Amino acid sequence: MEVLRDLLRYDRRFLIGFIITVLVLLVFPLSLLSPYEPTARRVVPTNLPPSWEYPLGTNALGQDIAWNLIFAVRNTLIIGLLSALLSRMIATFNGLISGYIGGVTDRVLSTITDSLIVLPRLPILVFLSFVMRGQLSIWGIALILAFLDWAWPSKRYRSQVLSLREREFTETALFSGMSTFSVVTREHLPFLVPYIMADVISGFIWAMGMEITLSVLGLTSLSIPTIGTMIYWANYYQAILRGIWWWIGPPVVVAIATVIAFYLLSVSLSEFLDPRTRLQRIKVRPEMG
């Protein structure tokens, strides 16, 4: 709580990102209050402009855009968070084991990691989405994105563990009788937490971008409301050419605002957890006092 308080007080970027993120996360409780089902269509008059009854208007599918946007943002957030958390869990496990044990284990795991790094992720995603077109659920998209996004952070965690393995506290832990699992989880993992926190946010931004990209191309299940599918249907019914700006505008604005918010949080956390910038803050604060 002290860390959160300091970030909110001294870092305006974190404050802005935090406020936007809280507003975006309100979609989770709001989605429980919806009078419509997420996939319901023809429940309201079509193509109505924003009004008191329909704050964001309605679309050509007969949906209330405000409620549809709430479901879309919620589902996109679920995909991004699941992908980021799963990929960083795999990356952390692989980096800890590969960096600490070394030898044949390190060579095998490093080969697998390097193989995934050199693979072009977007063409693979497009191919898999095309093969499984219309069958990819929220969970399926999240799993595929997580599988393709753990390799880069894993290399970073491995390099950190290689350095930590040579430190005196690691030798002390071994001489005290700690097992390999205890050493990597109790002694090494805490040093990776700052990197993991920043990587989770960057992983979320990447997963969100990929979901929108695949959905706009029509390669996901278009019946599931997401930010990407909202943009897809708006383009499909030529919302811009027909002047139905209220259909395509809200998902684009929310997507941009969410990416900016998480980017600000990532940059702020990275600088706050960097020992060099922390020392600079310690020196500056007494002078300010």
C-alpha atoms as a PDB file:
ATOM      1  CA  MET A   1       0.000   0.000   0.000  1.00  0.00           C
ATOM      2  CA  GLU A   2       2.905   2.350   0.697  1.00  0.00           C
ATOM      3  CA  VAL A   3       4.253   1.748  -2.801  1.00  0.00           C
ATOM      4  CA  LEU A   4       0.852   2.515  -4.335  1.00  0.00           C
ATOM      5  CA  ARG A   5       0.530   5.641  -2.210  1.00  0.00           C
ATOM      6  CA  ASP A   6       3.972   6.919  -3.238  1.00  0.00           C
ATOM      7  CA  LEU A   7       3.302   6.249  -6.921  1.00  0.00           C
ATOM      8  CA  LEU A   8      -0.043   8.042  -6.814  1.00  0.00           C
ATOM      9  CA  ARG A   9       1.462  10.984  -4.961  1.00  0.00           C
ATOM     10  CA  TYR A  10       4.747  11.521  -6.805  1.00  0.00           C
ATOM     11  CA  ASP A  11       4.215  10.122 -10.319  1.00  0.00           C
ATOM     12  CA  ARG A  12       1.577  11.844 -12.439  1.00  0.00           C
ATOM     13  CA  ARG A  13       1.900   9.249 -15.175  1.00  0.00           C
ATOM     14  CA  PHE A  14       0.972   6.476 -12.752  1.00  0.00           C
ATOM     15  CA  LEU A  15      -1.933   8.551 -11.421  1.00  0.00           C
ATOM     16  CA  ILE A  16      -3.370   9.096 -14.897  1.00  0.00           C
ATOM     17  CA  GLY A  17      -2.885   5.456 -15.867  1.00  0.00           C
ATOM     18  CA  PHE A  18      -4.378   4.266 -12.576  1.00  0.00           C
ATOM     19  CA  ILE A  19      -7.522   6.415 -12.937  1.00  0.00           C
ATOM     20  CA  ILE A  20      -8.143   5.283 -16.518  1.00  0.00           C
ATOM     21  CA  THR A  21      -7.546   1.644 -15.556  1.00  0.00           C
ATOM     22  CA  VAL A  22     -10.020   1.832 -12.669  1.00  0.00           C
ATOM     23  CA  LEU A  23     -12.638   3.341 -14.986  1.00  0.00           C
ATOM     24  CA  VAL A  24     -12.052   0.598 -17.564  1.00  0.00           C
ATOM     25  CA  LEU A  25     -12.251  -2.151 -14.921  1.00  0.00           C
ATOM     26  CA  LEU A  26     -15.733  -0.921 -13.965  1.00  0.00           C
ATOM     27  CA  VAL A  27     -17.007  -2.911 -16.957  1.00  0.00           C
ATOM     28  CA  PHE A  28     -16.826  -6.093 -14.866  1.00  0.00           C
ATOM     29  CA  PRO A  29     -19.473  -5.112 -12.274  1.00  0.00           C
ATOM     30  CA  LEU A  30     -21.484  -3.139 -14.853  1.00  0.00           C
ATOM     31  CA  SER A  31     -21.763  -6.176 -17.139  1.00  0.00           C
ATOM     32  CA  LEU A  32     -23.716  -7.948 -14.383  1.00  0.00           C
ATOM     33  CA  LEU A  33     -26.405  -5.246 -14.566  1.00  0.00           C
ATOM     34  CA  SER A  34     -27.064  -5.493 -18.299  1.00  0.00           C
ATOM     35  CA  PRO A  35     -30.700  -6.031 -19.329  1.00  0.00           C
ATOM     36  CA  TYR A  36     -29.491  -7.835 -22.466  1.00  0.00           C
ATOM     37  CA  GLU A  37     -27.527 -11.008 -23.135  1.00  0.00           C
ATOM     38  CA  PRO A  38     -23.997 -10.423 -24.497  1.00  0.00           C
ATOM     39  CA  THR A  39     -24.816 -11.962 -27.887  1.00  0.00           C
ATOM     40  CA  ALA A  40     -28.422 -10.709 -28.154  1.00  0.00           C
ATOM     41  CA  ARG A  41     -29.432  -8.943 -31.366  1.00  0.00           C
ATOM     42  CA  ARG A  42     -32.527  -7.111 -32.585  1.00  0.00           C
ATOM     43  CA  VAL A  43     -33.444  -6.110 -29.049  1.00  0.00           C
ATOM     44  CA  VAL A  44     -33.547  -2.337 -29.745  1.00  0.00           C
ATOM     45  CA  PRO A  45     -34.320  -0.181 -32.813  1.00  0.00           C
ATOM     46  CA  THR A  46     -31.444  -0.043 -35.283  1.00  0.00           C
ATOM     47  CA  ASN A  47     -29.055   2.815 -36.106  1.00  0.00           C
ATOM     48  CA  LEU A  48     -30.352   5.314 -33.567  1.00  0.00           C
ATOM     49  CA  PRO A  49     -27.988   8.200 -32.677  1.00  0.00           C
ATOM     50  CA  PRO A  50     -26.957   8.796 -29.043  1.00  0.00           C
ATOM     51  CA  SER A  51     -29.815   9.880 -26.801  1.00  0.00           C
ATOM     52  CA  TRP A  52     -30.889   9.808 -23.144  1.00  0.00           C
ATOM     53  CA  GLU A  53     -32.356   6.345 -23.650  1.00  0.00           C
ATOM     54  CA  TYR A  54     -29.354   5.032 -25.597  1.00  0.00           C
ATOM     55  CA  PRO A  55     -26.273   7.064 -24.491  1.00  0.00           C
ATOM     56  CA  LEU A  56     -24.063   5.665 -27.273  1.00  0.00           C
ATOM     57  CA  GLY A  57     -26.829   4.988 -29.764  1.00  0.00           C
ATOM     58  CA  THR A  58     -27.679   1.654 -31.387  1.00  0.00           C
ATOM     59  CA  ASN A  59     -26.136  -0.238 -34.291  1.00  0.00           C
ATOM     60  CA  ALA A  60     -27.376  -2.050 -37.387  1.00  0.00           C
ATOM     61  CA  LEU A  61     -27.514  -5.318 -35.437  1.00  0.00           C
ATOM     62  CA  GLY A  62     -30.159  -3.930 -33.112  1.00  0.00           C
ATOM     63  CA  GLN A  63     -27.837  -3.676 -30.106  1.00  0.00           C
ATOM     64  CA  ASP A  64     -27.455  -0.974 -27.497  1.00  0.00           C
ATOM     65  CA  ILE A  65     -23.883   0.134 -28.165  1.00  0.00           C
ATOM     66  CA  ALA A  66     -23.252   1.177 -24.555  1.00  0.00           C
ATOM     67  CA  TRP A  67     -24.025  -2.288 -23.170  1.00  0.00           C
ATOM     68  CA  ASN A  68     -22.374  -3.995 -26.118  1.00  0.00           C
ATOM     69  CA  LEU A  69     -19.226  -1.960 -25.455  1.00  0.00           C
ATOM     70  CA  ILE A  70     -19.235  -2.997 -21.789  1.00  0.00           C
ATOM     71  CA  PHE A  71     -19.313  -6.692 -22.767  1.00  0.00           C
ATOM     72  CA  ALA A  72     -16.698  -6.127 -25.479  1.00  0.00           C
ATOM     73  CA  VAL A  73     -14.226  -4.373 -23.187  1.00  0.00           C
ATOM     74  CA  ARG A  74     -14.769  -6.997 -20.476  1.00  0.00           C
ATOM     75  CA  ASN A  75     -14.021  -9.879 -22.856  1.00  0.00           C
ATOM     76  CA  THR A  76     -10.972  -8.164 -24.328  1.00  0.00           C
ATOM     77  CA  LEU A  77      -9.637  -7.493 -20.839  1.00  0.00           C
ATOM     78  CA  ILE A  78     -10.147 -11.155 -19.918  1.00  0.00           C
ATOM     79  CA  ILE A  79      -8.210 -12.265 -23.000  1.00  0.00           C
ATOM     80  CA  GLY A  80      -5.379  -9.823 -22.322  1.00  0.00           C
ATOM     81  CA  LEU A  81      -5.081 -10.595 -18.610  1.00  0.00           C
ATOM     82  CA  LEU A  82      -5.257 -14.372 -19.052  1.00  0.00           C
ATOM     83  CA  SER A  83      -2.673 -14.317 -21.821  1.00  0.00           C
ATOM     84  CA  ALA A  84      -0.311 -12.027 -19.894  1.00  0.00           C
ATOM     85  CA  LEU A  85      -0.557 -13.985 -16.635  1.00  0.00           C
ATOM     86  CA  LEU A  86      -0.204 -17.431 -18.233  1.00  0.00           C
ATOM     87  CA  SER A  87       2.706 -16.416 -20.461  1.00  0.00           C
ATOM     88  CA  ARG A  88       4.604 -14.799 -17.569  1.00  0.00           C
ATOM     89  CA  MET A  89       4.018 -17.850 -15.370  1.00  0.00           C
ATOM     90  CA  ILE A  90       5.555 -20.073 -18.057  1.00  0.00           C
ATOM     91  CA  ALA A  91       8.366 -17.573 -18.621  1.00  0.00           C
ATOM     92  CA  THR A  92       9.152 -17.330 -14.904  1.00  0.00           C
ATOM     93  CA  PHE A  93       9.258 -21.101 -14.409  1.00  0.00           C
ATOM     94  CA  ASN A  94      11.380 -21.637 -17.510  1.00  0.00           C
ATOM     95  CA  GLY A  95      13.767 -18.782 -16.689  1.00  0.00           C
ATOM     96  CA  LEU A  96      14.283 -19.878 -13.088  1.00  0.00           C
ATOM     97  CA  ILE A  97      14.927 -23.535 -13.937  1.00  0.00           C
ATOM     98  CA  SER A  98      17.044 -22.860 -17.013  1.00  0.00           C
ATOM     99  CA  GLY A  99      19.189 -20.193 -15.370  1.00  0.00           C
ATOM    100  CA  TYR A 100      19.753 -21.953 -12.064  1.00  0.00           C
ATOM    101  CA  ILE A 101      20.215 -25.614 -13.018  1.00  0.00           C
ATOM    102  CA  GLY A 102      22.253 -24.974 -16.169  1.00  0.00           C
ATOM    103  CA  GLY A 103      23.941 -27.820 -18.039  1.00  0.00           C
ATOM    104  CA  VAL A 104      21.862 -30.022 -20.322  1.00  0.00           C
ATOM    105  CA  THR A 105      18.615 -28.687 -18.870  1.00  0.00           C
ATOM    106  CA  ASP A 106      19.615 -25.131 -19.717  1.00  0.00           C
ATOM    107  CA  ARG A 107      20.648 -26.071 -23.256  1.00  0.00           C
ATOM    108  CA  VAL A 108      17.380 -27.895 -23.959  1.00  0.00           C
ATOM    109  CA  LEU A 109      15.165 -25.166 -22.512  1.00  0.00           C
ATOM    110  CA  SER A 110      17.194 -22.426 -24.189  1.00  0.00           C
ATOM    111  CA  THR A 111      16.862 -24.175 -27.550  1.00  0.00           C
ATOM    112  CA  ILE A 112      13.088 -24.357 -27.168  1.00  0.00           C
ATOM    113  CA  THR A 113      12.956 -20.714 -26.090  1.00  0.00           C
ATOM    114  CA  ASP A 114      15.161 -19.499 -28.936  1.00  0.00           C
ATOM    115  CA  SER A 115      13.078 -21.475 -31.435  1.00  0.00           C
ATOM    116  CA  LEU A 116       9.916 -19.693 -30.312  1.00  0.00           C
ATOM    117  CA  ILE A 117      11.631 -16.303 -30.353  1.00  0.00           C
ATOM    118  CA  VAL A 118      12.604 -16.537 -34.020  1.00  0.00           C
ATOM    119  CA  LEU A 119       9.134 -17.668 -35.127  1.00  0.00           C
ATOM    120  CA  PRO A 120       7.017 -14.872 -36.659  1.00  0.00           C
ATOM    121  CA  ARG A 121       4.115 -14.610 -34.240  1.00  0.00           C
ATOM    122  CA  LEU A 122       1.593 -12.669 -36.297  1.00  0.00           C
ATOM    123  CA  PRO A 123       1.635 -15.007 -39.346  1.00  0.00           C
ATOM    124  CA  ILE A 124       1.306 -17.990 -37.000  1.00  0.00           C
ATOM    125  CA  LEU A 125      -1.629 -16.364 -35.224  1.00  0.00           C
ATOM    126  CA  VAL A 126      -3.311 -15.567 -38.538  1.00  0.00           C
ATOM    127  CA  PHE A 127      -2.801 -19.148 -39.747  1.00  0.00           C
ATOM    128  CA  LEU A 128      -4.124 -20.753 -36.555  1.00  0.00           C
ATOM    129  CA  SER A 129      -7.065 -18.374 -36.440  1.00  0.00           C
ATOM    130  CA  PHE A 130      -7.884 -19.123 -40.078  1.00  0.00           C
ATOM    131  CA  VAL A 131      -7.730 -22.888 -39.513  1.00  0.00           C
ATOM    132  CA  MET A 132      -9.916 -22.602 -36.393  1.00  0.00           C
ATOM    133  CA  ARG A 133     -12.056 -19.811 -37.790  1.00  0.00           C
ATOM    134  CA  GLY A 134     -15.245 -19.310 -35.827  1.00  0.00           C
ATOM    135  CA  GLN A 135     -14.219 -21.855 -33.176  1.00  0.00           C
ATOM    136  CA  LEU A 136     -11.857 -19.765 -31.067  1.00  0.00           C
ATOM    137  CA  SER A 137     -13.407 -18.886 -27.725  1.00  0.00           C
ATOM    138  CA  ILE A 138     -12.082 -16.277 -25.309  1.00  0.00           C
ATOM    139  CA  TRP A 139     -10.103 -18.964 -23.494  1.00  0.00           C
ATOM    140  CA  GLY A 140      -8.741 -20.438 -26.729  1.00  0.00           C
ATOM    141  CA  ILE A 141      -7.452 -17.075 -27.942  1.00  0.00           C
ATOM    142  CA  ALA A 142      -5.854 -16.395 -24.547  1.00  0.00           C
ATOM    143  CA  LEU A 143      -4.075 -19.780 -24.517  1.00  0.00           C
ATOM    144  CA  ILE A 144      -2.686 -19.345 -28.035  1.00  0.00           C
ATOM    145  CA  LEU A 145      -1.477 -15.824 -27.286  1.00  0.00           C
ATOM    146  CA  ALA A 146       0.117 -16.972 -24.015  1.00  0.00           C
ATOM    147  CA  PHE A 147       1.934 -19.830 -25.764  1.00  0.00           C
ATOM    148  CA  LEU A 148       3.461 -17.440 -28.297  1.00  0.00           C
ATOM    149  CA  ASP A 149       4.427 -14.699 -25.826  1.00  0.00           C
ATOM    150  CA  TRP A 150       6.461 -16.346 -23.052  1.00  0.00           C
ATOM    151  CA  ALA A 151       9.806 -16.775 -24.804  1.00  0.00           C
ATOM    152  CA  TRP A 152      11.100 -13.181 -24.775  1.00  0.00           C
ATOM    153  CA  PRO A 153      10.554 -12.517 -21.049  1.00  0.00           C
ATOM    154  CA  SER A 154      11.926 -15.986 -20.240  1.00  0.00           C
ATOM    155  CA  LYS A 155      15.301 -15.064 -21.750  1.00  0.00           C
ATOM    156  CA  ARG A 156      15.376 -11.932 -19.597  1.00  0.00           C
ATOM    157  CA  TYR A 157      14.563 -13.865 -16.429  1.00  0.00           C
ATOM    158  CA  ARG A 158      17.191 -16.491 -17.251  1.00  0.00           C
ATOM    159  CA  SER A 159      19.908 -13.855 -17.602  1.00  0.00           C
ATOM    160  CA  GLN A 160      18.968 -12.420 -14.198  1.00  0.00           C
ATOM    161  CA  VAL A 161      19.060 -15.843 -12.543  1.00  0.00           C
ATOM    162  CA  LEU A 162      22.461 -16.595 -14.103  1.00  0.00           C
ATOM    163  CA  SER A 163      23.780 -13.523 -12.294  1.00  0.00           C
ATOM    164  CA  LEU A 164      21.991 -14.330  -9.032  1.00  0.00           C
ATOM    165  CA  ARG A 165      23.348 -17.870  -9.069  1.00  0.00           C
ATOM    166  CA  GLU A 166      26.864 -16.532  -8.561  1.00  0.00           C
ATOM    167  CA  ARG A 167      25.978 -14.348  -5.580  1.00  0.00           C
ATOM    168  CA  GLU A 168      27.086 -15.180  -2.053  1.00  0.00           C
ATOM    169  CA  PHE A 169      23.554 -15.497  -0.684  1.00  0.00           C
ATOM    170  CA  THR A 170      22.908 -18.360  -3.135  1.00  0.00           C
ATOM    171  CA  GLU A 171      25.935 -20.265  -1.839  1.00  0.00           C
ATOM    172  CA  THR A 172      24.833 -19.576   1.723  1.00  0.00           C
ATOM    173  CA  ALA A 173      21.370 -20.967   0.943  1.00  0.00           C
ATOM    174  CA  LEU A 174      22.887 -24.111  -0.538  1.00  0.00           C
ATOM    175  CA  PHE A 175      25.202 -24.664   2.428  1.00  0.00           C
ATOM    176  CA  SER A 176      22.216 -24.275   4.758  1.00  0.00           C
ATOM    177  CA  GLY A 177      20.585 -27.275   3.089  1.00  0.00           C
ATOM    178  CA  MET A 178      17.896 -25.519   1.010  1.00  0.00           C
ATOM    179  CA  SER A 179      16.557 -27.500  -1.932  1.00  0.00           C
ATOM    180  CA  THR A 180      16.693 -26.276  -5.522  1.00  0.00           C
ATOM    181  CA  PHE A 181      13.005 -25.396  -5.424  1.00  0.00           C
ATOM    182  CA  SER A 182      13.453 -23.377  -2.229  1.00  0.00           C
ATOM    183  CA  VAL A 183      16.461 -21.501  -3.579  1.00  0.00           C
ATOM    184  CA  VAL A 184      14.794 -20.397  -6.825  1.00  0.00           C
ATOM    185  CA  THR A 185      11.460 -19.509  -5.199  1.00  0.00           C
ATOM    186  CA  ARG A 186      12.657 -17.899  -1.962  1.00  0.00           C
ATOM    187  CA  GLU A 187      16.003 -16.414  -2.964  1.00  0.00           C
ATOM    188  CA  HIS A 188      15.790 -15.686  -6.703  1.00  0.00           C
ATOM    189  CA  LEU A 189      12.110 -15.139  -7.492  1.00  0.00           C
ATOM    190  CA  PRO A 190      11.786 -11.940  -5.394  1.00  0.00           C
ATOM    191  CA  PHE A 191      14.475 -10.316  -7.558  1.00  0.00           C
ATOM    192  CA  LEU A 192      12.381 -11.047 -10.678  1.00  0.00           C
ATOM    193  CA  VAL A 193       9.140  -9.568  -9.346  1.00  0.00           C
ATOM    194  CA  PRO A 194       9.823  -6.008 -10.675  1.00  0.00           C
ATOM    195  CA  TYR A 195      10.511  -7.374 -14.155  1.00  0.00           C
ATOM    196  CA  ILE A 196       7.475  -9.664 -14.038  1.00  0.00           C
ATOM    197  CA  MET A 197       5.166  -6.811 -13.017  1.00  0.00           C
ATOM    198  CA  ALA A 198       6.312  -4.640 -15.909  1.00  0.00           C
ATOM    199  CA  ASP A 199       6.213  -7.590 -18.336  1.00  0.00           C
ATOM    200  CA  VAL A 200       2.642  -8.511 -17.372  1.00  0.00           C
ATOM    201  CA  ILE A 201       1.502  -5.044 -18.425  1.00  0.00           C
ATOM    202  CA  SER A 202       3.439  -5.137 -21.697  1.00  0.00           C
ATOM    203  CA  GLY A 203       2.113  -8.653 -22.343  1.00  0.00           C
ATOM    204  CA  PHE A 204      -1.425  -7.419 -21.784  1.00  0.00           C
ATOM    205  CA  ILE A 205      -0.960  -4.602 -24.308  1.00  0.00           C
ATOM    206  CA  TRP A 206       0.400  -7.069 -26.892  1.00  0.00           C
ATOM    207  CA  ALA A 207      -2.421  -9.580 -26.334  1.00  0.00           C
ATOM    208  CA  MET A 208      -5.037  -6.847 -26.577  1.00  0.00           C
ATOM    209  CA  GLY A 209      -3.535  -5.636 -29.849  1.00  0.00           C
ATOM    210  CA  MET A 210      -3.457  -9.154 -31.288  1.00  0.00           C
ATOM    211  CA  GLU A 211      -7.072  -9.828 -30.303  1.00  0.00           C
ATOM    212  CA  ILE A 212      -8.193  -6.633 -32.024  1.00  0.00           C
ATOM    213  CA  THR A 213      -6.100  -7.419 -35.104  1.00  0.00           C
ATOM    214  CA  LEU A 214      -7.433 -10.965 -35.499  1.00  0.00           C
ATOM    215  CA  SER A 215     -11.027  -9.920 -34.852  1.00  0.00           C
ATOM    216  CA  VAL A 216     -10.909  -7.022 -37.317  1.00  0.00           C
ATOM    217  CA  LEU A 217      -9.678  -9.530 -39.911  1.00  0.00           C
ATOM    218  CA  GLY A 218     -12.681 -11.726 -39.085  1.00  0.00           C
ATOM    219  CA  LEU A 219     -10.563 -14.633 -37.832  1.00  0.00           C
ATOM    220  CA  THR A 220     -12.149 -15.078 -34.401  1.00  0.00           C
ATOM    221  CA  SER A 221     -15.620 -16.029 -33.235  1.00  0.00           C
ATOM    222  CA  LEU A 222     -17.543 -12.951 -34.367  1.00  0.00           C
ATOM    223  CA  SER A 223     -20.533 -13.778 -32.169  1.00  0.00           C
ATOM    224  CA  ILE A 224     -18.488 -13.012 -29.029  1.00  0.00           C
ATOM    225  CA  PRO A 225     -18.435  -9.262 -28.321  1.00  0.00           C
ATOM    226  CA  THR A 226     -14.904  -7.883 -28.067  1.00  0.00           C
ATOM    227  CA  ILE A 227     -13.364  -4.573 -29.030  1.00  0.00           C
ATOM    228  CA  GLY A 228     -12.107  -6.186 -32.212  1.00  0.00           C
ATOM    229  CA  THR A 229     -15.461  -7.699 -33.207  1.00  0.00           C
ATOM    230  CA  MET A 230     -17.219  -4.371 -32.570  1.00  0.00           C
ATOM    231  CA  ILE A 231     -14.851  -2.703 -35.028  1.00  0.00           C
ATOM    232  CA  TYR A 232     -15.299  -5.609 -37.472  1.00  0.00           C
ATOM    233  CA  TRP A 233     -19.103  -5.325 -37.551  1.00  0.00           C
ATOM    234  CA  ALA A 234     -18.915  -1.538 -37.791  1.00  0.00           C
ATOM    235  CA  ASN A 235     -16.683  -1.881 -40.859  1.00  0.00           C
ATOM    236  CA  TYR A 236     -18.836  -4.688 -42.259  1.00  0.00           C
ATOM    237  CA  TYR A 237     -21.926  -2.458 -42.206  1.00  0.00           C
ATOM    238  CA  GLN A 238     -19.885   0.542 -43.454  1.00  0.00           C
ATOM    239  CA  ALA A 239     -20.574   2.602 -40.360  1.00  0.00           C
ATOM    240  CA  ILE A 240     -18.183   5.382 -41.371  1.00  0.00           C
ATOM    241  CA  LEU A 241     -19.585   5.767 -44.889  1.00  0.00           C
ATOM    242  CA  ARG A 242     -23.138   5.739 -43.539  1.00  0.00           C
ATOM    243  CA  GLY A 243     -22.322   8.336 -40.894  1.00  0.00           C
ATOM    244  CA  ILE A 244     -22.906   5.977 -37.957  1.00  0.00           C
ATOM    245  CA  TRP A 245     -19.829   7.294 -36.142  1.00  0.00           C
ATOM    246  CA  TRP A 246     -21.195   6.326 -32.729  1.00  0.00           C
ATOM    247  CA  TRP A 247     -20.772   2.658 -33.621  1.00  0.00           C
ATOM    248  CA  ILE A 248     -17.074   2.596 -34.455  1.00  0.00           C
ATOM    249  CA  GLY A 249     -15.933   5.556 -32.345  1.00  0.00           C
ATOM    250  CA  PRO A 250     -16.423   4.183 -28.780  1.00  0.00           C
ATOM    251  CA  PRO A 251     -14.439   0.917 -29.177  1.00  0.00           C
ATOM    252  CA  VAL A 252     -11.570   2.744 -30.886  1.00  0.00           C
ATOM    253  CA  VAL A 253     -11.430   5.429 -28.164  1.00  0.00           C
ATOM    254  CA  VAL A 254     -11.609   2.855 -25.352  1.00  0.00           C
ATOM    255  CA  ALA A 255      -8.885   0.723 -26.954  1.00  0.00           C
ATOM    256  CA  ILE A 256      -6.547   3.703 -27.312  1.00  0.00           C
ATOM    257  CA  ALA A 257      -7.247   4.924 -23.765  1.00  0.00           C
ATOM    258  CA  THR A 258      -6.639   1.438 -22.308  1.00  0.00           C
ATOM    259  CA  VAL A 259      -3.330   1.006 -24.133  1.00  0.00           C
ATOM    260  CA  ILE A 260      -2.161   4.462 -23.027  1.00  0.00           C
ATOM    261  CA  ALA A 261      -3.186   3.742 -19.420  1.00  0.00           C
ATOM    262  CA  PHE A 262      -1.328   0.441 -19.234  1.00  0.00           C
ATOM    263  CA  TYR A 263       1.695   1.943 -20.996  1.00  0.00           C
ATOM    264  CA  LEU A 264       1.868   4.725 -18.402  1.00  0.00           C
ATOM    265  CA  LEU A 265       1.579   2.158 -15.600  1.00  0.00           C
ATOM    266  CA  SER A 266       4.324   0.021 -17.141  1.00  0.00           C
ATOM    267  CA  VAL A 267       6.763   2.918 -17.574  1.00  0.00           C
ATOM    268  CA  SER A 268       6.030   4.256 -14.100  1.00  0.00           C
ATOM    269  CA  LEU A 269       6.454   0.877 -12.401  1.00  0.00           C
ATOM    270  CA  SER A 270       9.667   0.141 -14.302  1.00  0.00           C
ATOM    271  CA  GLU A 271      11.227   3.419 -13.197  1.00  0.00           C
ATOM    272  CA  PHE A 272       9.955   3.116  -9.623  1.00  0.00           C
ATOM    273  CA  LEU A 273      11.359  -0.404  -9.225  1.00  0.00           C
ATOM    274  CA  ASP A 274      14.698   0.492 -10.818  1.00  0.00           C
ATOM    275  CA  PRO A 275      17.266   0.852  -7.985  1.00  0.00           C
ATOM    276  CA  ARG A 276      19.045   3.716  -9.758  1.00  0.00           C
ATOM    277  CA  THR A 277      15.950   5.895 -10.066  1.00  0.00           C
ATOM    278  CA  ARG A 278      14.957   4.955  -6.513  1.00  0.00           C
ATOM    279  CA  LEU A 279      18.254   6.290  -5.191  1.00  0.00           C
ATOM    280  CA  GLN A 280      17.691   9.519  -7.115  1.00  0.00           C
ATOM    281  CA  ARG A 281      14.270   9.925  -5.487  1.00  0.00           C
ATOM    282  CA  ILE A 282      15.777   9.332  -2.039  1.00  0.00           C
ATOM    283  CA  LYS A 283      18.310  12.098  -2.675  1.00  0.00           C
ATOM    284  CA  VAL A 284      15.747  14.520  -4.061  1.00  0.00           C
ATOM    285  CA  ARG A 285      13.145  14.204  -1.310  1.00  0.00           C
ATOM    286  CA  PRO A 286      15.309  15.481   1.587  1.00  0.00           C
ATOM    287  CA  GLU A 287      16.283  18.477  -0.528  1.00  0.00           C
ATOM    288  CA  MET A 288      12.593  19.158  -1.227  1.00  0.00           C
ATOM    289  CA  GLY A 289      11.868  18.933   2.495  1.00  0.00           C
END
